[in-house]
Amino acid sequence: GESTQKTSFRYVHSFYNAMLIFFDRHFRRRYRLLSLL
């Protein structure tokens, strides 16, 4: 929980890319103006 390889580019890319995937799947149509932000 604390010691996942959070220093690696792979972790940062995977984690925050997942957040973008979630937003696009569930909220993009509802919040189109906020999408870019």
PDB file of all heavy atoms in Angstrom:
ATOM      1  N   GLY A   1       0.829  -1.197   0.000  1.00  0.00           N
ATOM      2  CA  GLY A   1       0.000   0.000   0.000  1.00  0.00           C
ATOM      3  C   GLY A   1       0.856   1.236   0.000  1.00  0.00           C
ATOM      4  O   GLY A   1       0.489   2.280  -0.533  1.00  0.00           O
ATOM      5  N   GLU A   2       2.052   1.164   0.626  1.00  0.00           N
ATOM      6  CA  GLU A   2       2.970   2.298   0.654  1.00  0.00           C
ATOM      7  C   GLU A   2       4.145   2.105  -0.278  1.00  0.00           C
ATOM      8  O   GLU A   2       4.736   3.080  -0.740  1.00  0.00           O
ATOM      9  CB  GLU A   2       3.506   2.486   2.076  1.00  0.00           C
ATOM     10  CG  GLU A   2       2.453   2.855   3.091  1.00  0.00           C
ATOM     11  CD  GLU A   2       3.007   2.934   4.495  1.00  0.00           C
ATOM     12  OE1 GLU A   2       4.114   2.423   4.718  1.00  0.00           O
ATOM     13  OE2 GLU A   2       2.343   3.509   5.359  1.00  0.00           O
ATOM     14  N   SER A   3       4.500   0.863  -0.562  1.00  0.00           N
ATOM     15  CA  SER A   3       5.770   0.631  -1.231  1.00  0.00           C
ATOM     16  C   SER A   3       5.652   0.189  -2.677  1.00  0.00           C
ATOM     17  O   SER A   3       6.599  -0.325  -3.240  1.00  0.00           O
ATOM     18  CB  SER A   3       6.566  -0.425  -0.455  1.00  0.00           C
ATOM     19  OG  SER A   3       5.820  -1.625  -0.366  1.00  0.00           O
ATOM     20  N   THR A   4       4.458   0.362  -3.306  1.00  0.00           N
ATOM     21  CA  THR A   4       4.350   0.111  -4.723  1.00  0.00           C
ATOM     22  C   THR A   4       5.364   0.995  -5.446  1.00  0.00           C
ATOM     23  O   THR A   4       5.709   2.066  -4.972  1.00  0.00           O
ATOM     24  CB  THR A   4       2.924   0.453  -5.209  1.00  0.00           C
ATOM     25  OG1 THR A   4       1.996  -0.260  -4.396  1.00  0.00           O
ATOM     26  CG2 THR A   4       2.720   0.054  -6.647  1.00  0.00           C
ATOM     27  N   GLN A   5       5.819   0.542  -6.599  1.00  0.00           N
ATOM     28  CA  GLN A   5       6.873   1.281  -7.293  1.00  0.00           C
ATOM     29  C   GLN A   5       6.339   2.594  -7.863  1.00  0.00           C
ATOM     30  O   GLN A   5       6.200   2.777  -9.066  1.00  0.00           O
ATOM     31  CB  GLN A   5       7.470   0.409  -8.405  1.00  0.00           C
ATOM     32  CG  GLN A   5       8.137  -0.841  -7.882  1.00  0.00           C
ATOM     33  CD  GLN A   5       9.283  -0.516  -6.930  1.00  0.00           C
ATOM     34  OE1 GLN A   5      10.076   0.374  -7.198  1.00  0.00           O
ATOM     35  NE2 GLN A   5       9.359  -1.225  -5.824  1.00  0.00           N
ATOM     36  N   LYS A   6       6.052   3.525  -6.967  1.00  0.00           N
ATOM     37  CA  LYS A   6       5.479   4.798  -7.381  1.00  0.00           C
ATOM     38  C   LYS A   6       6.528   5.745  -7.963  1.00  0.00           C
ATOM     39  O   LYS A   6       6.214   6.820  -8.428  1.00  0.00           O
ATOM     40  CB  LYS A   6       4.781   5.465  -6.192  1.00  0.00           C
ATOM     41  CG  LYS A   6       3.585   4.660  -5.694  1.00  0.00           C
ATOM     42  CD  LYS A   6       2.865   5.374  -4.583  1.00  0.00           C
ATOM     43  CE  LYS A   6       1.655   4.587  -4.116  1.00  0.00           C
ATOM     44  NZ  LYS A   6       0.911   5.251  -3.053  1.00  0.00           N
ATOM     45  N   THR A   7       7.784   5.347  -7.910  1.00  0.00           N
ATOM     46  CA  THR A   7       8.829   6.188  -8.469  1.00  0.00           C
ATOM     47  C   THR A   7       9.023   5.917  -9.944  1.00  0.00           C
ATOM     48  O   THR A   7       9.745   6.639 -10.613  1.00  0.00           O
ATOM     49  CB  THR A   7      10.150   5.926  -7.730  1.00  0.00           C
ATOM     50  OG1 THR A   7      10.437   4.532  -7.796  1.00  0.00           O
ATOM     51  CG2 THR A   7      10.046   6.345  -6.283  1.00  0.00           C
ATOM     52  N   SER A   8       8.422   4.877 -10.470  1.00  0.00           N
ATOM     53  CA  SER A   8       8.662   4.508 -11.854  1.00  0.00           C
ATOM     54  C   SER A   8       7.716   5.254 -12.784  1.00  0.00           C
ATOM     55  O   SER A   8       6.582   5.580 -12.439  1.00  0.00           O
ATOM     56  CB  SER A   8       8.480   2.998 -12.038  1.00  0.00           C
ATOM     57  OG  SER A   8       7.128   2.641 -11.887  1.00  0.00           O
ATOM     58  N   PHE A   9       8.190   5.486 -14.007  1.00  0.00           N
ATOM     59  CA  PHE A   9       7.352   6.125 -15.014  1.00  0.00           C
ATOM     60  C   PHE A   9       6.144   5.255 -15.317  1.00  0.00           C
ATOM     61  O   PHE A   9       5.047   5.747 -15.549  1.00  0.00           O
ATOM     62  CB  PHE A   9       8.159   6.372 -16.291  1.00  0.00           C
ATOM     63  CG  PHE A   9       7.325   6.878 -17.433  1.00  0.00           C
ATOM     64  CD1 PHE A   9       6.939   8.212 -17.492  1.00  0.00           C
ATOM     65  CD2 PHE A   9       6.891   6.018 -18.436  1.00  0.00           C
ATOM     66  CE1 PHE A   9       6.158   8.684 -18.538  1.00  0.00           C
ATOM     67  CE2 PHE A   9       6.112   6.473 -19.475  1.00  0.00           C
ATOM     68  CZ  PHE A   9       5.754   7.810 -19.527  1.00  0.00           C
ATOM     69  N   ARG A  10       6.358   3.916 -15.304  1.00  0.00           N
ATOM     70  CA  ARG A  10       5.269   2.999 -15.621  1.00  0.00           C
ATOM     71  C   ARG A  10       4.116   3.162 -14.641  1.00  0.00           C
ATOM     72  O   ARG A  10       2.951   3.155 -15.027  1.00  0.00           O
ATOM     73  CB  ARG A  10       5.774   1.559 -15.595  1.00  0.00           C
ATOM     74  CG  ARG A  10       4.702   0.549 -15.991  1.00  0.00           C
ATOM     75  CD  ARG A  10       5.222  -0.876 -15.837  1.00  0.00           C
ATOM     76  NE  ARG A  10       4.208  -1.841 -16.227  1.00  0.00           N
ATOM     77  CZ  ARG A  10       4.288  -3.143 -16.026  1.00  0.00           C
ATOM     78  NH1 ARG A  10       5.351  -3.636 -15.421  1.00  0.00           N
ATOM     79  NH2 ARG A  10       3.332  -3.956 -16.405  1.00  0.00           N
ATOM     80  N   TYR A  11       4.445   3.301 -13.337  1.00  0.00           N
ATOM     81  CA  TYR A  11       3.384   3.458 -12.349  1.00  0.00           C
ATOM     82  C   TYR A  11       2.606   4.745 -12.596  1.00  0.00           C
ATOM     83  O   TYR A  11       1.370   4.745 -12.656  1.00  0.00           O
ATOM     84  CB  TYR A  11       3.943   3.473 -10.926  1.00  0.00           C
ATOM     85  CG  TYR A  11       2.921   3.978  -9.931  1.00  0.00           C
ATOM     86  CD1 TYR A  11       1.922   3.135  -9.452  1.00  0.00           C
ATOM     87  CD2 TYR A  11       2.905   5.311  -9.526  1.00  0.00           C
ATOM     88  CE1 TYR A  11       0.954   3.602  -8.588  1.00  0.00           C
ATOM     89  CE2 TYR A  11       1.940   5.786  -8.661  1.00  0.00           C
ATOM     90  CZ  TYR A  11       0.975   4.928  -8.196  1.00  0.00           C
ATOM     91  OH  TYR A  11       0.013   5.405  -7.352  1.00  0.00           O
ATOM     92  N   VAL A  12       3.334   5.860 -12.710  1.00  0.00           N
ATOM     93  CA  VAL A  12       2.666   7.157 -12.873  1.00  0.00           C
ATOM     94  C   VAL A  12       1.806   7.155 -14.131  1.00  0.00           C
ATOM     95  O   VAL A  12       0.650   7.586 -14.124  1.00  0.00           O
ATOM     96  CB  VAL A  12       3.702   8.298 -12.915  1.00  0.00           C
ATOM     97  CG1 VAL A  12       3.037   9.625 -13.262  1.00  0.00           C
ATOM     98  CG2 VAL A  12       4.416   8.413 -11.581  1.00  0.00           C
ATOM     99  N   HIS A  13       2.380   6.646 -15.222  1.00  0.00           N
ATOM    100  CA  HIS A  13       1.631   6.619 -16.483  1.00  0.00           C
ATOM    101  C   HIS A  13       0.390   5.745 -16.356  1.00  0.00           C
ATOM    102  O   HIS A  13      -0.711   6.144 -16.756  1.00  0.00           O
ATOM    103  CB  HIS A  13       2.535   6.105 -17.603  1.00  0.00           C
ATOM    104  CG  HIS A  13       1.829   5.978 -18.922  1.00  0.00           C
ATOM    105  ND1 HIS A  13       1.226   4.802 -19.329  1.00  0.00           N
ATOM    106  CD2 HIS A  13       1.618   6.880 -19.921  1.00  0.00           C
ATOM    107  CE1 HIS A  13       0.670   4.985 -20.507  1.00  0.00           C
ATOM    108  NE2 HIS A  13       0.909   6.238 -20.894  1.00  0.00           N
ATOM    109  N   SER A  14       0.552   4.546 -15.772  1.00  0.00           N
ATOM    110  CA  SER A  14      -0.569   3.612 -15.668  1.00  0.00           C
ATOM    111  C   SER A  14      -1.668   4.143 -14.755  1.00  0.00           C
ATOM    112  O   SER A  14      -2.859   4.058 -15.078  1.00  0.00           O
ATOM    113  CB  SER A  14      -0.080   2.258 -15.140  1.00  0.00           C
ATOM    114  OG  SER A  14       0.837   1.674 -16.034  1.00  0.00           O
ATOM    115  N   PHE A  15      -1.270   4.701 -13.590  1.00  0.00           N
ATOM    116  CA  PHE A  15      -2.259   5.160 -12.633  1.00  0.00           C
ATOM    117  C   PHE A  15      -3.063   6.335 -13.184  1.00  0.00           C
ATOM    118  O   PHE A  15      -4.301   6.320 -13.163  1.00  0.00           O
ATOM    119  CB  PHE A  15      -1.587   5.565 -11.322  1.00  0.00           C
ATOM    120  CG  PHE A  15      -2.559   6.037 -10.279  1.00  0.00           C
ATOM    121  CD1 PHE A  15      -3.273   5.132  -9.513  1.00  0.00           C
ATOM    122  CD2 PHE A  15      -2.786   7.394 -10.071  1.00  0.00           C
ATOM    123  CE1 PHE A  15      -4.182   5.558  -8.559  1.00  0.00           C
ATOM    124  CE2 PHE A  15      -3.689   7.830  -9.127  1.00  0.00           C
ATOM    125  CZ  PHE A  15      -4.386   6.908  -8.364  1.00  0.00           C
ATOM    126  N   TYR A  16      -2.375   7.341 -13.673  1.00  0.00           N
ATOM    127  CA  TYR A  16      -3.107   8.530 -14.126  1.00  0.00           C
ATOM    128  C   TYR A  16      -3.779   8.307 -15.473  1.00  0.00           C
ATOM    129  O   TYR A  16      -4.807   8.925 -15.767  1.00  0.00           O
ATOM    130  CB  TYR A  16      -2.167   9.738 -14.132  1.00  0.00           C
ATOM    131  CG  TYR A  16      -1.885  10.190 -12.715  1.00  0.00           C
ATOM    132  CD1 TYR A  16      -0.732   9.807 -12.050  1.00  0.00           C
ATOM    133  CD2 TYR A  16      -2.811  10.955 -12.022  1.00  0.00           C
ATOM    134  CE1 TYR A  16      -0.500  10.187 -10.723  1.00  0.00           C
ATOM    135  CE2 TYR A  16      -2.596  11.343 -10.706  1.00  0.00           C
ATOM    136  CZ  TYR A  16      -1.440  10.948 -10.066  1.00  0.00           C
ATOM    137  OH  TYR A  16      -1.231  11.321  -8.765  1.00  0.00           O
ATOM    138  N   ASN A  17      -3.240   7.421 -16.289  1.00  0.00           N
ATOM    139  CA  ASN A  17      -3.950   7.049 -17.516  1.00  0.00           C
ATOM    140  C   ASN A  17      -5.250   6.337 -17.175  1.00  0.00           C
ATOM    141  O   ASN A  17      -6.272   6.516 -17.845  1.00  0.00           O
ATOM    142  CB  ASN A  17      -3.069   6.164 -18.386  1.00  0.00           C
ATOM    143  CG  ASN A  17      -3.701   5.875 -19.729  1.00  0.00           C
ATOM    144  OD1 ASN A  17      -4.009   6.783 -20.495  1.00  0.00           O
ATOM    145  ND2 ASN A  17      -3.903   4.602 -20.034  1.00  0.00           N
ATOM    146  N   ALA A  18      -5.233   5.522 -16.103  1.00  0.00           N
ATOM    147  CA  ALA A  18      -6.454   4.848 -15.663  1.00  0.00           C
ATOM    148  C   ALA A  18      -7.510   5.854 -15.234  1.00  0.00           C
ATOM    149  O   ALA A  18      -8.709   5.660 -15.482  1.00  0.00           O
ATOM    150  CB  ALA A  18      -6.131   3.885 -14.516  1.00  0.00           C
ATOM    151  N   MET A  19      -7.079   6.934 -14.582  1.00  0.00           N
ATOM    152  CA  MET A  19      -8.040   7.952 -14.182  1.00  0.00           C
ATOM    153  C   MET A  19      -8.694   8.607 -15.403  1.00  0.00           C
ATOM    154  O   MET A  19      -9.888   8.914 -15.405  1.00  0.00           O
ATOM    155  CB  MET A  19      -7.335   9.032 -13.337  1.00  0.00           C
ATOM    156  CG  MET A  19      -6.751   8.515 -12.017  1.00  0.00           C
ATOM    157  SD  MET A  19      -7.959   7.691 -10.923  1.00  0.00           S
ATOM    158  CE  MET A  19      -7.633   5.954 -11.275  1.00  0.00           C
ATOM    159  N   LEU A  20      -7.895   8.804 -16.458  1.00  0.00           N
ATOM    160  CA  LEU A  20      -8.443   9.379 -17.684  1.00  0.00           C
ATOM    161  C   LEU A  20      -9.410   8.409 -18.361  1.00  0.00           C
ATOM    162  O   LEU A  20     -10.452   8.815 -18.883  1.00  0.00           O
ATOM    163  CB  LEU A  20      -7.301   9.741 -18.640  1.00  0.00           C
ATOM    164  CG  LEU A  20      -6.382  10.873 -18.186  1.00  0.00           C
ATOM    165  CD1 LEU A  20      -5.248  11.062 -19.182  1.00  0.00           C
ATOM    166  CD2 LEU A  20      -7.159  12.179 -18.038  1.00  0.00           C
ATOM    167  N   ILE A  21      -9.071   7.131 -18.362  1.00  0.00           N
ATOM    168  CA  ILE A  21      -9.971   6.129 -18.941  1.00  0.00           C
ATOM    169  C   ILE A  21     -11.303   6.126 -18.196  1.00  0.00           C
ATOM    170  O   ILE A  21     -12.379   6.098 -18.808  1.00  0.00           O
ATOM    171  CB  ILE A  21      -9.324   4.726 -18.882  1.00  0.00           C
ATOM    172  CG1 ILE A  21      -8.111   4.659 -19.804  1.00  0.00           C
ATOM    173  CG2 ILE A  21     -10.344   3.652 -19.285  1.00  0.00           C
ATOM    174  CD1 ILE A  21      -7.319   3.369 -19.673  1.00  0.00           C
ATOM    175  N   PHE A  22     -11.244   6.187 -16.855  1.00  0.00           N
ATOM    176  CA  PHE A  22     -12.472   6.190 -16.067  1.00  0.00           C
ATOM    177  C   PHE A  22     -13.319   7.424 -16.385  1.00  0.00           C
ATOM    178  O   PHE A  22     -14.539   7.321 -16.567  1.00  0.00           O
ATOM    179  CB  PHE A  22     -12.137   6.159 -14.580  1.00  0.00           C
ATOM    180  CG  PHE A  22     -13.345   6.182 -13.687  1.00  0.00           C
ATOM    181  CD1 PHE A  22     -14.093   5.031 -13.486  1.00  0.00           C
ATOM    182  CD2 PHE A  22     -13.748   7.357 -13.063  1.00  0.00           C
ATOM    183  CE1 PHE A  22     -15.224   5.048 -12.670  1.00  0.00           C
ATOM    184  CE2 PHE A  22     -14.873   7.382 -12.254  1.00  0.00           C
ATOM    185  CZ  PHE A  22     -15.610   6.225 -12.062  1.00  0.00           C
ATOM    186  N   PHE A  23     -12.685   8.581 -16.461  1.00  0.00           N
ATOM    187  CA  PHE A  23     -13.422   9.808 -16.780  1.00  0.00           C
ATOM    188  C   PHE A  23     -14.073   9.708 -18.163  1.00  0.00           C
ATOM    189  O   PHE A  23     -15.249  10.058 -18.341  1.00  0.00           O
ATOM    190  CB  PHE A  23     -12.487  11.015 -16.730  1.00  0.00           C
ATOM    191  CG  PHE A  23     -13.150  12.308 -17.113  1.00  0.00           C
ATOM    192  CD1 PHE A  23     -13.916  13.009 -16.196  1.00  0.00           C
ATOM    193  CD2 PHE A  23     -13.032  12.817 -18.397  1.00  0.00           C
ATOM    194  CE1 PHE A  23     -14.543  14.199 -16.551  1.00  0.00           C
ATOM    195  CE2 PHE A  23     -13.654  14.001 -18.764  1.00  0.00           C
ATOM    196  CZ  PHE A  23     -14.415  14.689 -17.833  1.00  0.00           C
ATOM    197  N   ASP A  24     -13.317   9.224 -19.137  1.00  0.00           N
ATOM    198  CA  ASP A  24     -13.853   9.125 -20.495  1.00  0.00           C
ATOM    199  C   ASP A  24     -15.010   8.133 -20.570  1.00  0.00           C
ATOM    200  O   ASP A  24     -15.982   8.360 -21.295  1.00  0.00           O
ATOM    201  CB  ASP A  24     -12.749   8.702 -21.468  1.00  0.00           C
ATOM    202  CG  ASP A  24     -11.752   9.814 -21.747  1.00  0.00           C
ATOM    203  OD1 ASP A  24     -12.076  10.983 -21.450  1.00  0.00           O
ATOM    204  OD2 ASP A  24     -10.643   9.515 -22.229  1.00  0.00           O
ATOM    205  N   ARG A  25     -14.933   7.040 -19.809  1.00  0.00           N
ATOM    206  CA  ARG A  25     -15.985   6.019 -19.846  1.00  0.00           C
ATOM    207  C   ARG A  25     -17.285   6.484 -19.204  1.00  0.00           C
ATOM    208  O   ARG A  25     -18.374   6.125 -19.664  1.00  0.00           O
ATOM    209  CB  ARG A  25     -15.505   4.749 -19.136  1.00  0.00           C
ATOM    210  CG  ARG A  25     -14.623   3.849 -19.980  1.00  0.00           C
ATOM    211  CD  ARG A  25     -14.054   2.707 -19.151  1.00  0.00           C
ATOM    212  NE  ARG A  25     -15.086   1.911 -18.496  1.00  0.00           N
ATOM    213  CZ  ARG A  25     -15.716   0.882 -19.042  1.00  0.00           C
ATOM    214  NH1 ARG A  25     -15.432   0.522 -20.287  1.00  0.00           N
ATOM    215  NH2 ARG A  25     -16.628   0.188 -18.364  1.00  0.00           N
ATOM    216  N   HIS A  26     -17.178   7.297 -18.151  1.00  0.00           N
ATOM    217  CA  HIS A  26     -18.367   7.556 -17.343  1.00  0.00           C
ATOM    218  C   HIS A  26     -18.802   9.025 -17.256  1.00  0.00           C
ATOM    219  O   HIS A  26     -19.959   9.287 -16.917  1.00  0.00           O
ATOM    220  CB  HIS A  26     -18.148   7.027 -15.928  1.00  0.00           C
ATOM    221  CG  HIS A  26     -17.915   5.551 -15.863  1.00  0.00           C
ATOM    222  ND1 HIS A  26     -18.920   4.629 -16.098  1.00  0.00           N
ATOM    223  CD2 HIS A  26     -16.787   4.837 -15.622  1.00  0.00           C
ATOM    224  CE1 HIS A  26     -18.426   3.405 -15.983  1.00  0.00           C
ATOM    225  NE2 HIS A  26     -17.143   3.497 -15.696  1.00  0.00           N
ATOM    226  N   PHE A  27     -17.912   9.953 -17.525  1.00  0.00           N
ATOM    227  CA  PHE A  27     -18.276  11.356 -17.280  1.00  0.00           C
ATOM    228  C   PHE A  27     -18.037  12.296 -18.458  1.00  0.00           C
ATOM    229  O   PHE A  27     -18.439  13.454 -18.404  1.00  0.00           O
ATOM    230  CB  PHE A  27     -17.497  11.893 -16.066  1.00  0.00           C
ATOM    231  CG  PHE A  27     -17.826  11.192 -14.785  1.00  0.00           C
ATOM    232  CD1 PHE A  27     -16.890  10.364 -14.179  1.00  0.00           C
ATOM    233  CD2 PHE A  27     -19.065  11.329 -14.195  1.00  0.00           C
ATOM    234  CE1 PHE A  27     -17.190   9.698 -12.999  1.00  0.00           C
ATOM    235  CE2 PHE A  27     -19.384  10.673 -13.019  1.00  0.00           C
ATOM    236  CZ  PHE A  27     -18.443   9.850 -12.420  1.00  0.00           C
ATOM    237  N   ARG A  28     -17.388  11.851 -19.520  1.00  0.00           N
ATOM    238  CA  ARG A  28     -17.004  12.769 -20.585  1.00  0.00           C
ATOM    239  C   ARG A  28     -18.217  13.419 -21.245  1.00  0.00           C
ATOM    240  O   ARG A  28     -18.219  14.618 -21.518  1.00  0.00           O
ATOM    241  CB  ARG A  28     -16.162  12.037 -21.628  1.00  0.00           C
ATOM    242  CG  ARG A  28     -15.528  12.973 -22.641  1.00  0.00           C
ATOM    243  CD  ARG A  28     -14.524  12.241 -23.523  1.00  0.00           C
ATOM    244  NE  ARG A  28     -13.800  13.153 -24.365  1.00  0.00           N
ATOM    245  CZ  ARG A  28     -12.814  12.768 -25.174  1.00  0.00           C
ATOM    246  NH1 ARG A  28     -12.447  11.502 -25.227  1.00  0.00           N
ATOM    247  NH2 ARG A  28     -12.195  13.653 -25.924  1.00  0.00           N
ATOM    248  N   ARG A  29     -19.262  12.623 -21.505  1.00  0.00           N
ATOM    249  CA  ARG A  29     -20.440  13.196 -22.162  1.00  0.00           C
ATOM    250  C   ARG A  29     -21.142  14.193 -21.262  1.00  0.00           C
ATOM    251  O   ARG A  29     -21.673  15.205 -21.732  1.00  0.00           O
ATOM    252  CB  ARG A  29     -21.412  12.076 -22.549  1.00  0.00           C
ATOM    253  CG  ARG A  29     -20.895  11.161 -23.652  1.00  0.00           C
ATOM    254  CD  ARG A  29     -21.938  10.122 -24.022  1.00  0.00           C
ATOM    255  NE  ARG A  29     -21.461   9.231 -25.073  1.00  0.00           N
ATOM    256  CZ  ARG A  29     -22.164   8.212 -25.562  1.00  0.00           C
ATOM    257  NH1 ARG A  29     -23.398   7.971 -25.078  1.00  0.00           N
ATOM    258  NH2 ARG A  29     -21.666   7.449 -26.507  1.00  0.00           N
ATOM    259  N   ARG A  30     -21.150  13.905 -19.971  1.00  0.00           N
ATOM    260  CA  ARG A  30     -21.853  14.762 -19.026  1.00  0.00           C
ATOM    261  C   ARG A  30     -21.091  16.055 -18.748  1.00  0.00           C
ATOM    262  O   ARG A  30     -21.665  17.083 -18.437  1.00  0.00           O
ATOM    263  CB  ARG A  30     -22.075  14.003 -17.721  1.00  0.00           C
ATOM    264  CG  ARG A  30     -23.181  14.583 -16.849  1.00  0.00           C
ATOM    265  CD  ARG A  30     -23.279  13.862 -15.519  1.00  0.00           C
ATOM    266  NE  ARG A  30     -23.152  12.416 -15.625  1.00  0.00           N
ATOM    267  CZ  ARG A  30     -23.058  11.614 -14.571  1.00  0.00           C
ATOM    268  NH1 ARG A  30     -23.059  12.117 -13.351  1.00  0.00           N
ATOM    269  NH2 ARG A  30     -22.952  10.309 -14.733  1.00  0.00           N
ATOM    270  N   TYR A  31     -19.764  15.971 -18.841  1.00  0.00           N
ATOM    271  CA  TYR A  31     -18.924  17.134 -18.516  1.00  0.00           C
ATOM    272  C   TYR A  31     -17.992  17.453 -19.684  1.00  0.00           C
ATOM    273  O   TYR A  31     -16.772  17.502 -19.540  1.00  0.00           O
ATOM    274  CB  TYR A  31     -18.085  16.849 -17.264  1.00  0.00           C
ATOM    275  CG  TYR A  31     -18.882  16.578 -16.017  1.00  0.00           C
ATOM    276  CD1 TYR A  31     -19.137  15.270 -15.612  1.00  0.00           C
ATOM    277  CD2 TYR A  31     -19.373  17.621 -15.231  1.00  0.00           C
ATOM    278  CE1 TYR A  31     -19.866  15.005 -14.459  1.00  0.00           C
ATOM    279  CE2 TYR A  31     -20.101  17.369 -14.081  1.00  0.00           C
ATOM    280  CZ  TYR A  31     -20.337  16.055 -13.700  1.00  0.00           C
ATOM    281  OH  TYR A  31     -21.053  15.801 -12.567  1.00  0.00           O
ATOM    282  N   ARG A  32     -18.570  17.664 -20.847  1.00  0.00           N
ATOM    283  CA  ARG A  32     -17.748  17.907 -22.039  1.00  0.00           C
ATOM    284  C   ARG A  32     -16.870  19.141 -21.900  1.00  0.00           C
ATOM    285  O   ARG A  32     -15.719  19.140 -22.335  1.00  0.00           O
ATOM    286  CB  ARG A  32     -18.656  18.055 -23.269  1.00  0.00           C
ATOM    287  CG  ARG A  32     -19.309  16.744 -23.690  1.00  0.00           C
ATOM    288  CD  ARG A  32     -20.120  16.920 -24.960  1.00  0.00           C
ATOM    289  NE  ARG A  32     -20.710  15.649 -25.380  1.00  0.00           N
ATOM    290  CZ  ARG A  32     -21.482  15.518 -26.447  1.00  0.00           C
ATOM    291  NH1 ARG A  32     -21.760  16.578 -27.209  1.00  0.00           N
ATOM    292  NH2 ARG A  32     -21.966  14.329 -26.761  1.00  0.00           N
ATOM    293  N   LEU A  33     -17.399  20.191 -21.301  1.00  0.00           N
ATOM    294  CA  LEU A  33     -16.624  21.420 -21.158  1.00  0.00           C
ATOM    295  C   LEU A  33     -15.454  21.239 -20.203  1.00  0.00           C
ATOM    296  O   LEU A  33     -14.448  21.935 -20.299  1.00  0.00           O
ATOM    297  CB  LEU A  33     -17.522  22.562 -20.673  1.00  0.00           C
ATOM    298  CG  LEU A  33     -18.632  22.996 -21.634  1.00  0.00           C
ATOM    299  CD1 LEU A  33     -19.474  24.100 -21.000  1.00  0.00           C
ATOM    300  CD2 LEU A  33     -18.034  23.476 -22.953  1.00  0.00           C
ATOM    301  N   LEU A  34     -15.591  20.298 -19.283  1.00  0.00           N
ATOM    302  CA  LEU A  34     -14.525  20.065 -18.305  1.00  0.00           C
ATOM    303  C   LEU A  34     -13.496  19.049 -18.790  1.00  0.00           C
ATOM    304  O   LEU A  34     -12.454  18.874 -18.146  1.00  0.00           O
ATOM    305  CB  LEU A  34     -15.125  19.546 -16.993  1.00  0.00           C
ATOM    306  CG  LEU A  34     -15.835  20.567 -16.104  1.00  0.00           C
ATOM    307  CD1 LEU A  34     -16.448  19.843 -14.911  1.00  0.00           C
ATOM    308  CD2 LEU A  34     -14.871  21.642 -15.627  1.00  0.00           C
ATOM    309  N   SER A  35     -13.769  18.400 -19.915  1.00  0.00           N
ATOM    310  CA  SER A  35     -12.932  17.292 -20.354  1.00  0.00           C
ATOM    311  C   SER A  35     -11.468  17.696 -20.500  1.00  0.00           C
ATOM    312  O   SER A  35     -10.568  17.040 -19.963  1.00  0.00           O
ATOM    313  CB  SER A  35     -13.454  16.731 -21.675  1.00  0.00           C
ATOM    314  OG  SER A  35     -12.633  15.685 -22.127  1.00  0.00           O
ATOM    315  N   LEU A  36     -11.208  18.768 -21.222  1.00  0.00           N
ATOM    316  CA  LEU A  36      -9.826  19.210 -21.451  1.00  0.00           C
ATOM    317  C   LEU A  36      -9.163  19.610 -20.143  1.00  0.00           C
ATOM    318  O   LEU A  36      -7.995  19.287 -19.898  1.00  0.00           O
ATOM    319  CB  LEU A  36      -9.798  20.377 -22.438  1.00  0.00           C
ATOM    320  CG  LEU A  36      -8.402  20.905 -22.795  1.00  0.00           C
ATOM    321  CD1 LEU A  36      -7.559  19.791 -23.430  1.00  0.00           C
ATOM    322  CD2 LEU A  36      -8.506  22.094 -23.745  1.00  0.00           C
ATOM    323  N   LEU A  37      -9.928  20.311 -19.284  1.00  0.00           N
ATOM    324  CA  LEU A  37      -9.374  20.751 -18.003  1.00  0.00           C
ATOM    325  C   LEU A  37      -9.030  19.554 -17.120  1.00  0.00           C
ATOM    326  O   LEU A  37      -7.973  19.546 -16.473  1.00  0.00           O
ATOM    327  CB  LEU A  37     -10.394  21.655 -17.289  1.00  0.00           C
ATOM    328  CG  LEU A  37      -9.954  22.243 -15.942  1.00  0.00           C
ATOM    329  CD1 LEU A  37      -8.722  23.115 -16.114  1.00  0.00           C
ATOM    330  CD2 LEU A  37     -11.092  23.045 -15.317  1.00  0.00           C
TER     331      LEU A  37
END
